[in-house]
Amino acid sequence: DNVGLTYYRLGEFDNALVYWQQALAAYEKLEDRPKKLRIDQNIGLLEIARGHFDVARKGLDAALRAAEDHQLPEEQAVTSTYLAELALAEGRHADALGYAQHAGEIFARRADKRGMIEAQLLAARTQLELGNAAAAKEALAPIALGELGAEQHAIALLA
């Protein structure tokens, strides 16, 4: 999975996809649902980056259903985060806010601070796109800037 992510981050999407498809086949044989779902999530991100939003949505929707069916809350939250990113890229702001809220609730139940911050940042970015700076600041209010990574800190400063 890390090799695929490295290719993805380098922008070598074709290589990432080949690696992830091979890993997906192996995880299916091993019946490793969480790892299979992570690969499905990564392929969804890749399709978002390529601008293949319909393909990304189908894959991520299927991943979310599988995570729910197998009661994998972390994968539900991560997939909801990616669906929020997709909705935001498509300009479907209400859906982006809904997915971000859903992810945030799951992350909060799991006391996953990093995930909660990511969901709050997604909500803030969506509110900024809507021109609602006050709501963006409200979404960021629970976050201490010292808890953020560099990219997250930059997003928070924009609000």
C-alpha atoms as a PDB file:
ATOM      1  CA  ASP A   1       0.000   0.000   0.000  1.00  0.00           C
ATOM      2  CA  ASN A   2       2.853   2.397   0.798  1.00  0.00           C
ATOM      3  CA  VAL A   3       4.407   1.883  -2.636  1.00  0.00           C
ATOM      4  CA  GLY A   4       1.107   2.823  -4.249  1.00  0.00           C
ATOM      5  CA  LEU A   5       0.832   5.923  -2.063  1.00  0.00           C
ATOM      6  CA  THR A   6       4.364   6.936  -2.988  1.00  0.00           C
ATOM      7  CA  TYR A   7       3.555   6.668  -6.691  1.00  0.00           C
ATOM      8  CA  TYR A   8       0.318   8.599  -6.071  1.00  0.00           C
ATOM      9  CA  ARG A   9       2.135  11.423  -4.260  1.00  0.00           C
ATOM     10  CA  LEU A  10       4.664  11.611  -7.088  1.00  0.00           C
ATOM     11  CA  GLY A  11       1.797  12.011  -9.550  1.00  0.00           C
ATOM     12  CA  GLU A  12       2.542   8.658 -11.178  1.00  0.00           C
ATOM     13  CA  PHE A  13      -1.094   7.606 -11.154  1.00  0.00           C
ATOM     14  CA  ASP A  14      -0.764   4.751 -13.645  1.00  0.00           C
ATOM     15  CA  ASN A  15       1.964   3.098 -11.557  1.00  0.00           C
ATOM     16  CA  ALA A  16      -0.034   3.650  -8.368  1.00  0.00           C
ATOM     17  CA  LEU A  17      -3.113   2.070  -9.923  1.00  0.00           C
ATOM     18  CA  VAL A  18      -1.199  -0.996 -11.140  1.00  0.00           C
ATOM     19  CA  TYR A  19       0.302  -1.523  -7.694  1.00  0.00           C
ATOM     20  CA  TRP A  20      -3.023  -1.013  -5.920  1.00  0.00           C
ATOM     21  CA  GLN A  21      -4.816  -3.417  -8.241  1.00  0.00           C
ATOM     22  CA  GLN A  22      -2.217  -6.089  -7.469  1.00  0.00           C
ATOM     23  CA  ALA A  23      -2.496  -5.402  -3.739  1.00  0.00           C
ATOM     24  CA  LEU A  24      -6.287  -5.487  -3.982  1.00  0.00           C
ATOM     25  CA  ALA A  25      -6.202  -8.960  -5.536  1.00  0.00           C
ATOM     26  CA  ALA A  26      -3.899 -10.190  -2.770  1.00  0.00           C
ATOM     27  CA  TYR A  27      -6.048  -8.710   0.012  1.00  0.00           C
ATOM     28  CA  GLU A  28      -9.176 -10.235  -1.526  1.00  0.00           C
ATOM     29  CA  LYS A  29      -7.535 -13.682  -1.456  1.00  0.00           C
ATOM     30  CA  LEU A  30      -6.539 -13.126   2.167  1.00  0.00           C
ATOM     31  CA  GLU A  31     -10.029 -11.812   2.976  1.00  0.00           C
ATOM     32  CA  ASP A  32      -8.433  -8.802   4.673  1.00  0.00           C
ATOM     33  CA  ARG A  33     -11.379  -6.395   4.586  1.00  0.00           C
ATOM     34  CA  PRO A  34      -9.749  -3.356   6.219  1.00  0.00           C
ATOM     35  CA  LYS A  35      -6.757  -3.431   3.873  1.00  0.00           C
ATOM     36  CA  LYS A  36      -8.999  -4.021   0.860  1.00  0.00           C
ATOM     37  CA  LEU A  37     -11.092  -1.019   1.886  1.00  0.00           C
ATOM     38  CA  ARG A  38      -7.965   1.135   2.236  1.00  0.00           C
ATOM     39  CA  ILE A  39      -6.974   0.225  -1.300  1.00  0.00           C
ATOM     40  CA  ASP A  40     -10.501   1.040  -2.515  1.00  0.00           C
ATOM     41  CA  GLN A  41     -10.234   4.400  -0.720  1.00  0.00           C
ATOM     42  CA  ASN A  42      -6.856   5.113  -2.312  1.00  0.00           C
ATOM     43  CA  ILE A  43      -8.163   4.286  -5.770  1.00  0.00           C
ATOM     44  CA  GLY A  44     -11.044   6.671  -5.087  1.00  0.00           C
ATOM     45  CA  LEU A  45      -8.565   9.449  -4.265  1.00  0.00           C
ATOM     46  CA  LEU A  46      -6.632   8.660  -7.422  1.00  0.00           C
ATOM     47  CA  GLU A  47      -9.794   8.939  -9.516  1.00  0.00           C
ATOM     48  CA  ILE A  48     -10.609  12.276  -7.854  1.00  0.00           C
ATOM     49  CA  ALA A  49      -7.114  13.519  -8.744  1.00  0.00           C
ATOM     50  CA  ARG A  50      -7.647  12.395 -12.335  1.00  0.00           C
ATOM     51  CA  GLY A  51     -10.978  14.205 -12.467  1.00  0.00           C
ATOM     52  CA  HIS A  52     -12.922  10.952 -12.913  1.00  0.00           C
ATOM     53  CA  PHE A  53     -15.533  11.942 -10.369  1.00  0.00           C
ATOM     54  CA  ASP A  54     -18.198   9.402 -11.383  1.00  0.00           C
ATOM     55  CA  VAL A  55     -15.728   6.520 -11.099  1.00  0.00           C
ATOM     56  CA  ALA A  56     -14.464   7.852  -7.762  1.00  0.00           C
ATOM     57  CA  ARG A  57     -18.003   8.230  -6.399  1.00  0.00           C
ATOM     58  CA  LYS A  58     -19.004   4.684  -7.367  1.00  0.00           C
ATOM     59  CA  GLY A  59     -15.900   3.205  -5.766  1.00  0.00           C
ATOM     60  CA  LEU A  60     -16.103   5.300  -2.614  1.00  0.00           C
ATOM     61  CA  ASP A  61     -19.840   4.673  -2.208  1.00  0.00           C
ATOM     62  CA  ALA A  62     -19.152   0.930  -2.450  1.00  0.00           C
ATOM     63  CA  ALA A  63     -16.303   1.249   0.068  1.00  0.00           C
ATOM     64  CA  LEU A  64     -18.570   3.115   2.495  1.00  0.00           C
ATOM     65  CA  ARG A  65     -21.284   0.453   2.207  1.00  0.00           C
ATOM     66  CA  ALA A  66     -18.713  -2.306   2.773  1.00  0.00           C
ATOM     67  CA  ALA A  67     -17.287  -0.500   5.813  1.00  0.00           C
ATOM     68  CA  GLU A  68     -20.791  -0.128   7.246  1.00  0.00           C
ATOM     69  CA  ASP A  69     -21.723  -3.740   6.458  1.00  0.00           C
ATOM     70  CA  HIS A  70     -18.579  -5.030   8.183  1.00  0.00           C
ATOM     71  CA  GLN A  71     -18.845  -2.561  11.077  1.00  0.00           C
ATOM     72  CA  LEU A  72     -15.486  -0.902  10.461  1.00  0.00           C
ATOM     73  CA  PRO A  73     -15.995   2.598  11.905  1.00  0.00           C
ATOM     74  CA  GLU A  74     -12.515   3.905  11.113  1.00  0.00           C
ATOM     75  CA  GLU A  75     -12.953   2.975   7.456  1.00  0.00           C
ATOM     76  CA  GLN A  76     -16.441   4.515   7.476  1.00  0.00           C
ATOM     77  CA  ALA A  77     -14.982   7.781   8.742  1.00  0.00           C
ATOM     78  CA  VAL A  78     -12.060   7.828   6.315  1.00  0.00           C
ATOM     79  CA  THR A  79     -14.304   6.996   3.370  1.00  0.00           C
ATOM     80  CA  SER A  80     -16.749   9.713   4.428  1.00  0.00           C
ATOM     81  CA  THR A  81     -13.836  12.159   4.493  1.00  0.00           C
ATOM     82  CA  TYR A  82     -12.895  11.195   0.939  1.00  0.00           C
ATOM     83  CA  LEU A  83     -16.524  11.484  -0.167  1.00  0.00           C
ATOM     84  CA  ALA A  84     -16.563  14.977   1.364  1.00  0.00           C
ATOM     85  CA  GLU A  85     -13.442  15.848  -0.654  1.00  0.00           C
ATOM     86  CA  LEU A  86     -15.140  14.551  -3.792  1.00  0.00           C
ATOM     87  CA  ALA A  87     -18.357  16.448  -3.109  1.00  0.00           C
ATOM     88  CA  LEU A  88     -16.357  19.622  -2.498  1.00  0.00           C
ATOM     89  CA  ALA A  89     -14.469  19.153  -5.785  1.00  0.00           C
ATOM     90  CA  GLU A  90     -17.805  18.773  -7.565  1.00  0.00           C
ATOM     91  CA  GLY A  91     -19.315  21.820  -5.887  1.00  0.00           C
ATOM     92  CA  ARG A  92     -21.880  19.741  -3.975  1.00  0.00           C
ATOM     93  CA  HIS A  93     -21.460  21.741  -0.791  1.00  0.00           C
ATOM     94  CA  ALA A  94     -24.391  20.312   1.176  1.00  0.00           C
ATOM     95  CA  ASP A  95     -23.115  16.784   0.546  1.00  0.00           C
ATOM     96  CA  ALA A  96     -19.568  17.820   1.482  1.00  0.00           C
ATOM     97  CA  LEU A  97     -20.802  19.234   4.786  1.00  0.00           C
ATOM     98  CA  GLY A  98     -22.882  16.116   5.458  1.00  0.00           C
ATOM     99  CA  TYR A  99     -20.001  13.733   4.808  1.00  0.00           C
ATOM    100  CA  ALA A 100     -17.613  15.875   6.867  1.00  0.00           C
ATOM    101  CA  GLN A 101     -20.082  15.913   9.759  1.00  0.00           C
ATOM    102  CA  HIS A 102     -20.601  12.143   9.525  1.00  0.00           C
ATOM    103  CA  ALA A 103     -16.838  11.551   9.523  1.00  0.00           C
ATOM    104  CA  GLY A 104     -16.350  13.970  12.416  1.00  0.00           C
ATOM    105  CA  GLU A 105     -18.962  12.196  14.528  1.00  0.00           C
ATOM    106  CA  ILE A 106     -17.300   8.819  13.988  1.00  0.00           C
ATOM    107  CA  PHE A 107     -13.835  10.226  14.668  1.00  0.00           C
ATOM    108  CA  ALA A 108     -15.156  11.863  17.867  1.00  0.00           C
ATOM    109  CA  ARG A 109     -16.635   8.570  19.113  1.00  0.00           C
ATOM    110  CA  ARG A 110     -13.249   6.967  18.523  1.00  0.00           C
ATOM    111  CA  ALA A 111     -11.404   9.891  20.165  1.00  0.00           C
ATOM    112  CA  ASP A 112      -9.396  10.246  16.938  1.00  0.00           C
ATOM    113  CA  LYS A 113      -8.173  13.824  17.230  1.00  0.00           C
ATOM    114  CA  ARG A 114      -6.385  13.860  13.873  1.00  0.00           C
ATOM    115  CA  GLY A 115      -9.513  12.625  12.104  1.00  0.00           C
ATOM    116  CA  MET A 116     -11.693  15.138  13.936  1.00  0.00           C
ATOM    117  CA  ILE A 117      -9.393  17.950  12.821  1.00  0.00           C
ATOM    118  CA  GLU A 118      -9.508  16.744   9.219  1.00  0.00           C
ATOM    119  CA  ALA A 119     -13.315  16.688   9.276  1.00  0.00           C
ATOM    120  CA  GLN A 120     -13.448  20.179  10.802  1.00  0.00           C
ATOM    121  CA  LEU A 121     -11.034  21.502   8.175  1.00  0.00           C
ATOM    122  CA  LEU A 122     -13.197  20.018   5.423  1.00  0.00           C
ATOM    123  CA  ALA A 123     -16.241  21.735   6.885  1.00  0.00           C
ATOM    124  CA  ALA A 124     -14.316  25.021   7.084  1.00  0.00           C
ATOM    125  CA  ARG A 125     -13.083  24.729   3.476  1.00  0.00           C
ATOM    126  CA  THR A 126     -16.625  24.059   2.327  1.00  0.00           C
ATOM    127  CA  GLN A 127     -17.945  27.065   4.226  1.00  0.00           C
ATOM    128  CA  LEU A 128     -15.193  29.219   2.695  1.00  0.00           C
ATOM    129  CA  GLU A 129     -16.232  28.101  -0.791  1.00  0.00           C
ATOM    130  CA  LEU A 130     -19.766  29.123   0.104  1.00  0.00           C
ATOM    131  CA  GLY A 131     -18.456  32.544   1.163  1.00  0.00           C
ATOM    132  CA  ASN A 132     -19.427  31.953   4.779  1.00  0.00           C
ATOM    133  CA  ALA A 133     -16.335  33.031   6.729  1.00  0.00           C
ATOM    134  CA  ALA A 134     -18.190  33.095  10.062  1.00  0.00           C
ATOM    135  CA  ALA A 135     -19.251  29.450   9.709  1.00  0.00           C
ATOM    136  CA  ALA A 136     -15.703  28.523   8.651  1.00  0.00           C
ATOM    137  CA  LYS A 137     -14.292  30.147  11.793  1.00  0.00           C
ATOM    138  CA  GLU A 138     -16.915  28.337  13.863  1.00  0.00           C
ATOM    139  CA  ALA A 139     -15.868  24.994  12.338  1.00  0.00           C
ATOM    140  CA  LEU A 140     -12.256  25.764  13.237  1.00  0.00           C
ATOM    141  CA  ALA A 141     -12.960  27.026  16.768  1.00  0.00           C
ATOM    142  CA  PRO A 142     -12.350  23.681  18.540  1.00  0.00           C
ATOM    143  CA  ILE A 143      -8.955  23.260  16.877  1.00  0.00           C
ATOM    144  CA  ALA A 144      -5.771  24.425  18.567  1.00  0.00           C
ATOM    145  CA  LEU A 145      -3.400  25.611  15.831  1.00  0.00           C
ATOM    146  CA  GLY A 146      -0.500  23.819  17.506  1.00  0.00           C
ATOM    147  CA  GLU A 147      -2.199  20.485  16.765  1.00  0.00           C
ATOM    148  CA  LEU A 148      -2.155  21.025  13.018  1.00  0.00           C
ATOM    149  CA  GLY A 149       0.290  19.798  10.420  1.00  0.00           C
ATOM    150  CA  ALA A 150       1.708  22.358   7.973  1.00  0.00           C
ATOM    151  CA  GLU A 151      -0.987  21.856   5.318  1.00  0.00           C
ATOM    152  CA  GLN A 152      -3.771  21.851   7.891  1.00  0.00           C
ATOM    153  CA  HIS A 153      -2.336  25.004   9.485  1.00  0.00           C
ATOM    154  CA  ALA A 154      -2.347  26.793   6.127  1.00  0.00           C
ATOM    155  CA  ILE A 155      -5.986  25.849   5.529  1.00  0.00           C
ATOM    156  CA  ALA A 156      -6.940  27.077   8.992  1.00  0.00           C
ATOM    157  CA  LEU A 157      -5.190  30.408   8.400  1.00  0.00           C
ATOM    158  CA  LEU A 158      -7.203  30.963   5.225  1.00  0.00           C
ATOM    159  CA  ALA A 159     -10.380  30.982   7.275  1.00  0.00           C
END
